[in-house]
Amino acid sequence: MLEWLKIDIWSPYVVGVGIGVLSWFSFLLSDSPLSCSTGISQTSGMVEKVLRGKEAVSQKEYYKKFPAVVDWKWMLLLGVCIGAAISSYLSGSFNLRWVSPLWASAFGSAPLPRLITALIGGILMGFGSRWANGCTSGHGISGTMQLSVASWLSVVFFFVGGITCAMFIYHVVA
């Protein structure tokens, strides 16, 4: 097997080139930008179809624009999850845990506060990505590649918000 598949941390340059090439194919084959948040909202719609019925979902304006179906963006999201699991397994770094060492050092190892924080953060990120009409990959990769001013502004604020939040949570002072 190729040894580079077993590397724990890949070069950001190699990964950046790979994502760039994948973005080219995304535009070439589907005339659509590379993104992940649409796949997540599609999954939400699919779950709602099971719980509330197909009609409840098909009547919503959002799902009229972004149908809750399995398409290439949904498969991309699934591929990212499966690929990450395979990569971590091959590199020997696969590990299931409720609380990361960084979180445990700052807040303790109790899983419930970590799960609640992750849930709230995930909801806010999902809301924000739909409100901004794109997620970090949509704006940060596809939008900046197209020189979209809105995407460049979004990326700047992703970094400002992320750094500020990390400094606040982990008590880091510049």
N, C-alpha and C. Protein backbone atom coordinates (compact mmCIF):
# COMPACT_ATOMS: atom_id res chain seq x y z
N MET A 1 0.85 -1.19 0.00
CA MET A 1 0.00 0.00 0.00
C MET A 1 0.89 1.25 0.00
N LEU A 2 0.38 2.30 -0.54
CA LEU A 2 1.15 3.54 -0.57
C LEU A 2 1.37 4.07 0.84
N GLU A 3 2.60 4.38 1.14
CA GLU A 3 2.96 4.85 2.48
C GLU A 3 2.34 6.20 2.83
N TRP A 4 2.10 7.07 1.84
CA TRP A 4 1.56 8.39 2.13
C TRP A 4 0.14 8.32 2.68
N LEU A 5 -0.56 7.20 2.45
CA LEU A 5 -1.90 7.05 3.03
C LEU A 5 -1.83 6.83 4.54
N LYS A 6 -0.66 6.46 5.04
CA LYS A 6 -0.51 6.18 6.46
C LYS A 6 0.04 7.37 7.26
N ILE A 7 0.26 8.49 6.60
CA ILE A 7 0.80 9.68 7.27
C ILE A 7 -0.26 10.25 8.22
N ASP A 8 0.16 10.60 9.44
CA ASP A 8 -0.76 11.13 10.45
C ASP A 8 -1.26 12.53 10.09
N ILE A 9 -0.38 13.40 9.65
CA ILE A 9 -0.75 14.77 9.29
C ILE A 9 -0.24 15.04 7.88
N TRP A 10 -1.15 15.35 6.98
CA TRP A 10 -0.77 15.59 5.59
C TRP A 10 -0.32 17.02 5.40
N SER A 11 0.49 17.24 4.39
CA SER A 11 0.97 18.58 4.06
C SER A 11 -0.21 19.46 3.64
N PRO A 12 -0.33 20.66 4.22
CA PRO A 12 -1.44 21.53 3.82
C PRO A 12 -1.34 21.96 2.35
N TYR A 13 -0.14 21.94 1.79
CA TYR A 13 0.04 22.30 0.38
C TYR A 13 -0.54 21.22 -0.52
N VAL A 14 -0.28 19.97 -0.20
CA VAL A 14 -0.81 18.85 -0.99
C VAL A 14 -2.33 18.81 -0.87
N VAL A 15 -2.83 18.97 0.33
CA VAL A 15 -4.27 18.96 0.55
C VAL A 15 -4.93 20.14 -0.16
N GLY A 16 -4.30 21.31 -0.11
CA GLY A 16 -4.83 22.49 -0.78
C GLY A 16 -4.94 22.29 -2.28
N VAL A 17 -3.91 21.70 -2.88
CA VAL A 17 -3.94 21.41 -4.32
C VAL A 17 -5.06 20.41 -4.61
N GLY A 18 -5.18 19.39 -3.78
CA GLY A 18 -6.25 18.39 -3.97
C GLY A 18 -7.64 19.00 -3.91
N ILE A 19 -7.86 19.87 -2.94
CA ILE A 19 -9.17 20.53 -2.81
C ILE A 19 -9.41 21.45 -4.01
N GLY A 20 -8.34 22.13 -4.46
CA GLY A 20 -8.47 22.99 -5.64
C GLY A 20 -8.87 22.20 -6.88
N VAL A 21 -8.24 21.06 -7.10
CA VAL A 21 -8.58 20.22 -8.25
C VAL A 21 -10.00 19.69 -8.11
N LEU A 22 -10.38 19.27 -6.89
CA LEU A 22 -11.74 18.81 -6.66
C LEU A 22 -12.75 19.92 -6.96
N SER A 23 -12.40 21.15 -6.61
CA SER A 23 -13.28 22.29 -6.90
C SER A 23 -13.44 22.50 -8.41
N TRP A 24 -12.35 22.32 -9.15
CA TRP A 24 -12.44 22.44 -10.62
C TRP A 24 -13.45 21.43 -11.16
N PHE A 25 -13.34 20.19 -10.69
CA PHE A 25 -14.27 19.15 -11.16
C PHE A 25 -15.70 19.45 -10.73
N SER A 26 -15.86 20.02 -9.56
CA SER A 26 -17.19 20.40 -9.10
C SER A 26 -17.84 21.38 -10.07
N PHE A 27 -17.10 22.41 -10.45
CA PHE A 27 -17.65 23.38 -11.40
C PHE A 27 -17.80 22.78 -12.80
N LEU A 28 -16.82 21.98 -13.22
CA LEU A 28 -16.84 21.40 -14.56
C LEU A 28 -18.02 20.45 -14.76
N LEU A 29 -18.24 19.58 -13.79
CA LEU A 29 -19.25 18.53 -13.95
C LEU A 29 -20.65 18.91 -13.49
N SER A 30 -20.75 19.88 -12.55
CA SER A 30 -22.08 20.20 -12.03
C SER A 30 -22.43 21.68 -12.10
N ASP A 31 -21.46 22.49 -12.51
CA ASP A 31 -21.65 23.94 -12.53
C ASP A 31 -22.13 24.45 -11.17
N SER A 32 -21.54 23.86 -10.14
CA SER A 32 -21.94 24.17 -8.77
C SER A 32 -20.70 24.20 -7.88
N PRO A 33 -20.67 25.10 -6.88
CA PRO A 33 -19.50 25.17 -6.01
C PRO A 33 -19.43 24.00 -5.03
N LEU A 34 -18.23 23.73 -4.59
CA LEU A 34 -17.96 22.70 -3.59
C LEU A 34 -18.42 23.24 -2.23
N SER A 35 -19.24 22.47 -1.52
CA SER A 35 -19.70 22.90 -0.20
C SER A 35 -20.20 21.69 0.58
N CYS A 36 -20.38 21.87 1.89
CA CYS A 36 -20.84 20.78 2.75
C CYS A 36 -22.15 21.07 3.46
N SER A 37 -22.43 22.33 3.78
CA SER A 37 -23.61 22.62 4.60
C SER A 37 -24.92 22.25 3.91
N THR A 38 -24.95 22.28 2.58
CA THR A 38 -26.17 21.88 1.88
C THR A 38 -26.46 20.41 2.15
N GLY A 39 -25.43 19.58 2.14
CA GLY A 39 -25.62 18.16 2.44
C GLY A 39 -26.13 17.91 3.84
N ILE A 40 -25.69 18.74 4.78
CA ILE A 40 -26.17 18.60 6.16
C ILE A 40 -27.64 18.98 6.24
N SER A 41 -28.03 20.07 5.59
CA SER A 41 -29.44 20.47 5.63
C SER A 41 -30.31 19.47 4.87
N GLN A 42 -29.78 18.86 3.81
CA GLN A 42 -30.52 17.82 3.11
C GLN A 42 -30.77 16.63 4.05
N THR A 43 -29.77 16.28 4.84
CA THR A 43 -29.92 15.18 5.79
C THR A 43 -31.02 15.51 6.79
N SER A 44 -31.05 16.75 7.25
CA SER A 44 -32.11 17.18 8.16
C SER A 44 -33.48 17.01 7.52
N GLY A 45 -33.59 17.38 6.26
CA GLY A 45 -34.86 17.22 5.55
C GLY A 45 -35.24 15.76 5.38
N MET A 46 -34.24 14.89 5.14
CA MET A 46 -34.52 13.46 5.01
C MET A 46 -35.01 12.87 6.32
N VAL A 47 -34.41 13.30 7.42
CA VAL A 47 -34.86 12.83 8.73
C VAL A 47 -36.29 13.33 8.99
N GLU A 48 -36.54 14.58 8.65
CA GLU A 48 -37.89 15.12 8.84
C GLU A 48 -38.91 14.39 7.98
N LYS A 49 -38.53 13.97 6.77
CA LYS A 49 -39.44 13.19 5.92
C LYS A 49 -39.86 11.90 6.63
N VAL A 50 -38.89 11.26 7.28
CA VAL A 50 -39.19 10.01 7.99
C VAL A 50 -40.11 10.27 9.17
N LEU A 51 -39.84 11.35 9.91
CA LEU A 51 -40.60 11.63 11.14
C LEU A 51 -41.96 12.28 10.89
N ARG A 52 -42.02 13.17 9.90
CA ARG A 52 -43.26 13.94 9.70
C ARG A 52 -43.95 13.66 8.38
N GLY A 53 -43.29 13.00 7.47
CA GLY A 53 -43.87 12.70 6.17
C GLY A 53 -43.31 13.57 5.07
N LYS A 54 -43.37 13.05 3.87
CA LYS A 54 -42.80 13.71 2.70
C LYS A 54 -43.46 15.05 2.41
N GLU A 55 -44.76 15.14 2.58
CA GLU A 55 -45.50 16.38 2.28
C GLU A 55 -45.08 17.54 3.17
N ALA A 56 -44.81 17.26 4.43
CA ALA A 56 -44.41 18.32 5.36
C ALA A 56 -43.11 18.98 4.91
N VAL A 57 -42.21 18.19 4.36
CA VAL A 57 -40.92 18.71 3.91
C VAL A 57 -41.06 19.39 2.55
N SER A 58 -41.78 18.78 1.64
CA SER A 58 -41.87 19.32 0.28
C SER A 58 -42.59 20.66 0.21
N GLN A 59 -43.36 21.01 1.23
CA GLN A 59 -44.07 22.29 1.26
C GLN A 59 -43.20 23.45 1.76
N LYS A 60 -42.07 23.15 2.36
CA LYS A 60 -41.21 24.20 2.91
C LYS A 60 -40.42 24.88 1.79
N GLU A 61 -40.36 26.21 1.85
CA GLU A 61 -39.68 26.99 0.82
C GLU A 61 -38.21 26.58 0.66
N TYR A 62 -37.55 26.33 1.78
CA TYR A 62 -36.14 25.97 1.72
C TYR A 62 -35.94 24.69 0.91
N TYR A 63 -36.77 23.68 1.18
CA TYR A 63 -36.59 22.39 0.50
C TYR A 63 -37.13 22.41 -0.92
N LYS A 64 -37.86 23.45 -1.29
CA LYS A 64 -38.21 23.63 -2.70
C LYS A 64 -36.97 24.07 -3.48
N LYS A 65 -36.13 24.88 -2.84
CA LYS A 65 -34.89 25.35 -3.48
C LYS A 65 -33.78 24.31 -3.37
N PHE A 66 -33.67 23.66 -2.21
CA PHE A 66 -32.65 22.65 -1.95
C PHE A 66 -33.34 21.35 -1.54
N PRO A 67 -33.77 20.52 -2.49
CA PRO A 67 -34.53 19.31 -2.16
C PRO A 67 -33.77 18.38 -1.21
N ALA A 68 -34.50 17.75 -0.33
CA ALA A 68 -33.93 16.82 0.64
C ALA A 68 -33.78 15.45 -0.02
N VAL A 69 -32.77 15.35 -0.89
CA VAL A 69 -32.53 14.12 -1.65
C VAL A 69 -31.04 13.78 -1.58
N VAL A 70 -30.75 12.53 -1.93
CA VAL A 70 -29.36 12.12 -2.02
C VAL A 70 -28.86 12.55 -3.40
N ASP A 71 -27.93 13.50 -3.41
CA ASP A 71 -27.30 13.94 -4.65
C ASP A 71 -25.79 13.95 -4.45
N TRP A 72 -25.04 14.54 -5.39
CA TRP A 72 -23.59 14.49 -5.29
C TRP A 72 -23.06 15.24 -4.07
N LYS A 73 -23.73 16.35 -3.67
CA LYS A 73 -23.25 17.09 -2.50
C LYS A 73 -23.45 16.28 -1.22
N TRP A 74 -24.54 15.54 -1.16
CA TRP A 74 -24.79 14.69 0.00
C TRP A 74 -23.77 13.55 0.02
N MET A 75 -23.48 12.99 -1.15
CA MET A 75 -22.49 11.92 -1.24
C MET A 75 -21.09 12.43 -0.92
N LEU A 76 -20.79 13.68 -1.28
CA LEU A 76 -19.51 14.29 -0.92
C LEU A 76 -19.36 14.33 0.60
N LEU A 77 -20.40 14.76 1.28
CA LEU A 77 -20.37 14.82 2.74
C LEU A 77 -20.16 13.43 3.35
N LEU A 78 -20.86 12.45 2.82
CA LEU A 78 -20.68 11.08 3.28
C LEU A 78 -19.24 10.61 3.01
N GLY A 79 -18.72 10.94 1.84
CA GLY A 79 -17.35 10.57 1.49
C GLY A 79 -16.32 11.22 2.39
N VAL A 80 -16.56 12.47 2.80
CA VAL A 80 -15.65 13.15 3.73
C VAL A 80 -15.60 12.39 5.06
N CYS A 81 -16.77 12.01 5.55
CA CYS A 81 -16.82 11.28 6.83
C CYS A 81 -16.15 9.91 6.73
N ILE A 82 -16.45 9.18 5.69
CA ILE A 82 -15.86 7.85 5.50
C ILE A 82 -14.35 7.98 5.25
N GLY A 83 -13.97 8.93 4.42
CA GLY A 83 -12.55 9.14 4.13
C GLY A 83 -11.75 9.52 5.36
N ALA A 84 -12.33 10.36 6.20
CA ALA A 84 -11.65 10.75 7.44
C ALA A 84 -11.46 9.54 8.36
N ALA A 85 -12.48 8.70 8.44
CA ALA A 85 -12.37 7.51 9.29
C ALA A 85 -11.31 6.56 8.75
N ILE A 86 -11.30 6.34 7.44
CA ILE A 86 -10.30 5.46 6.84
C ILE A 86 -8.90 6.02 7.02
N SER A 87 -8.75 7.32 6.78
CA SER A 87 -7.44 7.96 6.92
C SER A 87 -6.91 7.86 8.35
N SER A 88 -7.78 8.10 9.33
CA SER A 88 -7.32 8.02 10.73
C SER A 88 -6.99 6.59 11.11
N TYR A 89 -7.73 5.63 10.56
CA TYR A 89 -7.43 4.23 10.83
C TYR A 89 -6.09 3.83 10.23
N LEU A 90 -5.86 4.19 8.96
CA LEU A 90 -4.61 3.83 8.29
C LEU A 90 -3.39 4.48 8.94
N SER A 91 -3.58 5.70 9.46
CA SER A 91 -2.45 6.39 10.09
C SER A 91 -2.22 5.93 11.52
N GLY A 92 -3.13 5.14 12.05
CA GLY A 92 -2.99 4.66 13.43
C GLY A 92 -3.46 5.67 14.47
N SER A 93 -4.13 6.73 14.04
CA SER A 93 -4.57 7.75 15.00
C SER A 93 -6.06 7.67 15.31
N PHE A 94 -6.75 6.64 14.81
CA PHE A 94 -8.19 6.50 15.08
C PHE A 94 -8.41 6.30 16.57
N ASN A 95 -9.33 7.09 17.12
CA ASN A 95 -9.56 7.04 18.56
C ASN A 95 -10.97 7.57 18.83
N LEU A 96 -11.77 6.78 19.51
CA LEU A 96 -13.10 7.24 19.91
C LEU A 96 -13.03 7.77 21.33
N ARG A 97 -13.48 9.01 21.52
CA ARG A 97 -13.50 9.58 22.86
C ARG A 97 -14.57 10.67 22.91
N TRP A 98 -15.10 10.86 24.08
CA TRP A 98 -16.14 11.87 24.27
C TRP A 98 -15.55 13.26 24.48
N VAL A 99 -14.38 13.33 25.09
CA VAL A 99 -13.78 14.61 25.43
C VAL A 99 -12.34 14.63 24.94
N SER A 100 -11.98 15.67 24.19
CA SER A 100 -10.61 15.78 23.69
C SER A 100 -9.67 16.20 24.84
N PRO A 101 -8.39 15.90 24.70
CA PRO A 101 -7.44 16.29 25.75
C PRO A 101 -7.39 17.81 25.96
N LEU A 102 -7.50 18.59 24.90
CA LEU A 102 -7.48 20.05 25.04
C LEU A 102 -8.67 20.53 25.86
N TRP A 103 -9.86 20.02 25.57
CA TRP A 103 -11.06 20.39 26.33
C TRP A 103 -10.90 19.95 27.78
N ALA A 104 -10.44 18.72 27.99
CA ALA A 104 -10.29 18.18 29.34
C ALA A 104 -9.33 19.02 30.17
N SER A 105 -8.26 19.51 29.56
CA SER A 105 -7.30 20.31 30.32
C SER A 105 -7.87 21.66 30.74
N ALA A 106 -8.83 22.17 29.95
CA ALA A 106 -9.41 23.48 30.27
C ALA A 106 -10.68 23.37 31.11
N PHE A 107 -11.49 22.32 30.90
CA PHE A 107 -12.80 22.26 31.53
C PHE A 107 -13.10 20.97 32.28
N GLY A 108 -12.20 20.03 32.25
CA GLY A 108 -12.44 18.76 32.93
C GLY A 108 -12.90 17.70 31.93
N SER A 109 -12.97 16.48 32.40
CA SER A 109 -13.24 15.36 31.50
C SER A 109 -14.69 14.89 31.50
N ALA A 110 -15.59 15.61 32.14
CA ALA A 110 -17.01 15.21 32.13
C ALA A 110 -17.58 15.37 30.72
N PRO A 111 -18.21 14.33 30.19
CA PRO A 111 -18.68 14.39 28.80
C PRO A 111 -19.93 15.27 28.58
N LEU A 112 -20.80 15.40 29.57
CA LEU A 112 -22.04 16.14 29.35
C LEU A 112 -21.83 17.61 29.00
N PRO A 113 -20.99 18.37 29.72
CA PRO A 113 -20.77 19.76 29.29
C PRO A 113 -20.18 19.85 27.89
N ARG A 114 -19.31 18.91 27.54
CA ARG A 114 -18.72 18.91 26.20
C ARG A 114 -19.78 18.65 25.15
N LEU A 115 -20.66 17.69 25.40
CA LEU A 115 -21.72 17.37 24.45
C LEU A 115 -22.70 18.54 24.28
N ILE A 116 -23.05 19.18 25.39
CA ILE A 116 -23.97 20.33 25.32
C ILE A 116 -23.33 21.47 24.54
N THR A 117 -22.07 21.73 24.81
CA THR A 117 -21.36 22.80 24.08
C THR A 117 -21.26 22.47 22.60
N ALA A 118 -20.96 21.22 22.27
CA ALA A 118 -20.87 20.81 20.86
C ALA A 118 -22.22 20.93 20.17
N LEU A 119 -23.29 20.56 20.86
CA LEU A 119 -24.63 20.66 20.29
C LEU A 119 -25.00 22.12 20.01
N ILE A 120 -24.78 22.97 20.99
CA ILE A 120 -25.09 24.40 20.81
C ILE A 120 -24.22 25.00 19.70
N GLY A 121 -22.94 24.68 19.71
CA GLY A 121 -22.04 25.17 18.66
C GLY A 121 -22.45 24.69 17.29
N GLY A 122 -22.84 23.44 17.18
CA GLY A 122 -23.28 22.89 15.90
C GLY A 122 -24.55 23.55 15.39
N ILE A 123 -25.48 23.81 16.29
CA ILE A 123 -26.72 24.49 15.90
C ILE A 123 -26.41 25.91 15.42
N LEU A 124 -25.57 26.62 16.16
CA LEU A 124 -25.20 27.99 15.75
C LEU A 124 -24.45 28.00 14.43
N MET A 125 -23.53 27.04 14.22
CA MET A 125 -22.80 26.95 12.95
C MET A 125 -23.75 26.65 11.80
N GLY A 126 -24.69 25.74 12.01
CA GLY A 126 -25.66 25.41 10.97
C GLY A 126 -26.53 26.60 10.63
N PHE A 127 -27.01 27.28 11.65
CA PHE A 127 -27.83 28.48 11.43
C PHE A 127 -27.02 29.54 10.69
N GLY A 128 -25.80 29.76 11.14
CA GLY A 128 -24.94 30.76 10.51
C GLY A 128 -24.62 30.44 9.05
N SER A 129 -24.36 29.17 8.77
CA SER A 129 -24.01 28.81 7.39
C SER A 129 -25.20 28.96 6.46
N ARG A 130 -26.38 28.68 6.94
CA ARG A 130 -27.57 28.87 6.10
C ARG A 130 -27.87 30.37 5.94
N TRP A 131 -27.66 31.12 7.01
CA TRP A 131 -27.91 32.56 6.98
C TRP A 131 -26.93 33.25 6.02
N ALA A 132 -25.68 32.80 6.04
CA ALA A 132 -24.64 33.37 5.17
C ALA A 132 -24.69 32.78 3.76
N ASN A 133 -25.63 31.87 3.53
CA ASN A 133 -25.77 31.19 2.25
C ASN A 133 -24.50 30.41 1.88
N GLY A 134 -23.90 29.80 2.89
CA GLY A 134 -22.73 28.98 2.65
C GLY A 134 -21.94 28.75 3.92
N CYS A 135 -21.18 27.67 3.90
CA CYS A 135 -20.38 27.31 5.06
C CYS A 135 -18.92 27.70 4.83
N THR A 136 -18.06 27.28 5.71
CA THR A 136 -16.64 27.62 5.58
C THR A 136 -16.06 27.04 4.29
N SER A 137 -16.47 25.85 3.92
CA SER A 137 -15.94 25.29 2.66
C SER A 137 -16.55 25.99 1.46
N GLY A 138 -17.84 26.29 1.52
CA GLY A 138 -18.49 26.98 0.41
C GLY A 138 -17.89 28.36 0.17
N HIS A 139 -17.77 29.14 1.23
CA HIS A 139 -17.20 30.48 1.10
C HIS A 139 -15.68 30.43 1.02
N GLY A 140 -15.07 29.68 1.93
CA GLY A 140 -13.62 29.68 2.03
C GLY A 140 -12.91 29.04 0.87
N ILE A 141 -13.52 28.06 0.23
CA ILE A 141 -12.87 27.41 -0.90
C ILE A 141 -13.47 27.92 -2.21
N SER A 142 -14.75 27.65 -2.42
CA SER A 142 -15.36 27.98 -3.71
C SER A 142 -15.54 29.47 -3.91
N GLY A 143 -16.02 30.16 -2.90
CA GLY A 143 -16.28 31.59 -3.05
C GLY A 143 -15.03 32.42 -3.22
N THR A 144 -14.00 32.14 -2.42
CA THR A 144 -12.76 32.91 -2.55
C THR A 144 -12.07 32.62 -3.88
N MET A 145 -12.22 31.38 -4.37
CA MET A 145 -11.65 31.03 -5.67
C MET A 145 -12.29 31.85 -6.80
N GLN A 146 -13.56 32.19 -6.60
CA GLN A 146 -14.28 32.99 -7.59
C GLN A 146 -14.12 34.49 -7.33
N LEU A 147 -13.31 34.83 -6.32
CA LEU A 147 -13.07 36.22 -5.91
C LEU A 147 -14.35 36.93 -5.50
N SER A 148 -15.24 36.21 -4.85
CA SER A 148 -16.47 36.79 -4.33
C SER A 148 -16.16 37.65 -3.11
N VAL A 149 -16.58 38.91 -3.15
CA VAL A 149 -16.34 39.81 -2.02
C VAL A 149 -17.05 39.29 -0.77
N ALA A 150 -18.27 38.81 -0.93
CA ALA A 150 -19.02 38.27 0.22
C ALA A 150 -18.28 37.09 0.84
N SER A 151 -17.70 36.25 0.03
CA SER A 151 -16.96 35.10 0.55
C SER A 151 -15.69 35.53 1.26
N TRP A 152 -14.96 36.48 0.69
CA TRP A 152 -13.76 36.97 1.36
C TRP A 152 -14.09 37.60 2.70
N LEU A 153 -15.18 38.37 2.75
CA LEU A 153 -15.60 38.95 4.04
C LEU A 153 -15.99 37.86 5.02
N SER A 154 -16.71 36.85 4.54
CA SER A 154 -17.11 35.74 5.40
C SER A 154 -15.88 35.05 5.98
N VAL A 155 -14.89 34.78 5.13
CA VAL A 155 -13.69 34.08 5.60
C VAL A 155 -12.95 34.90 6.65
N VAL A 156 -12.84 36.21 6.43
CA VAL A 156 -12.20 37.07 7.43
C VAL A 156 -12.91 36.94 8.77
N PHE A 157 -14.24 36.98 8.74
CA PHE A 157 -14.98 36.90 10.00
C PHE A 157 -15.00 35.48 10.57
N PHE A 158 -14.87 34.45 9.73
CA PHE A 158 -14.69 33.09 10.26
C PHE A 158 -13.45 33.05 11.14
N PHE A 159 -12.36 33.60 10.62
CA PHE A 159 -11.10 33.59 11.37
C PHE A 159 -11.18 34.48 12.61
N VAL A 160 -11.71 35.67 12.47
CA VAL A 160 -11.84 36.57 13.62
C VAL A 160 -12.70 35.92 14.70
N GLY A 161 -13.84 35.37 14.31
CA GLY A 161 -14.73 34.71 15.27
C GLY A 161 -14.10 33.49 15.90
N GLY A 162 -13.44 32.67 15.09
CA GLY A 162 -12.81 31.45 15.61
C GLY A 162 -11.67 31.74 16.57
N ILE A 163 -10.83 32.69 16.20
CA ILE A 163 -9.70 33.05 17.07
C ILE A 163 -10.20 33.67 18.36
N THR A 164 -11.16 34.58 18.26
CA THR A 164 -11.72 35.23 19.45
C THR A 164 -12.35 34.20 20.38
N CYS A 165 -13.12 33.31 19.80
CA CYS A 165 -13.80 32.28 20.59
C CYS A 165 -12.77 31.35 21.27
N ALA A 166 -11.74 30.93 20.54
CA ALA A 166 -10.72 30.07 21.12
C ALA A 166 -9.98 30.78 22.24
N MET A 167 -9.67 32.06 22.05
CA MET A 167 -8.99 32.81 23.09
C MET A 167 -9.87 32.93 24.34
N PHE A 168 -11.15 33.14 24.14
CA PHE A 168 -12.09 33.25 25.27
C PHE A 168 -12.24 31.90 25.98
N ILE A 169 -12.46 30.85 25.22
CA ILE A 169 -12.70 29.53 25.81
C ILE A 169 -11.47 29.01 26.53
N TYR A 170 -10.31 29.14 25.90
CA TYR A 170 -9.10 28.56 26.47
C TYR A 170 -8.23 29.58 27.21
N HIS A 171 -8.78 30.75 27.49
CA HIS A 171 -8.13 31.78 28.29
C HIS A 171 -6.75 32.14 27.76
N VAL A 172 -6.66 32.30 26.45
CA VAL A 172 -5.40 32.67 25.82
C VAL A 172 -5.38 34.19 25.65
N VAL A 173 -4.34 34.82 26.11
CA VAL A 173 -4.21 36.27 25.99
C VAL A 173 -3.02 36.56 25.08
N ALA A 174 -3.25 37.41 24.09
CA ALA A 174 -2.18 37.74 23.14
C ALA A 174 -1.12 38.58 23.79
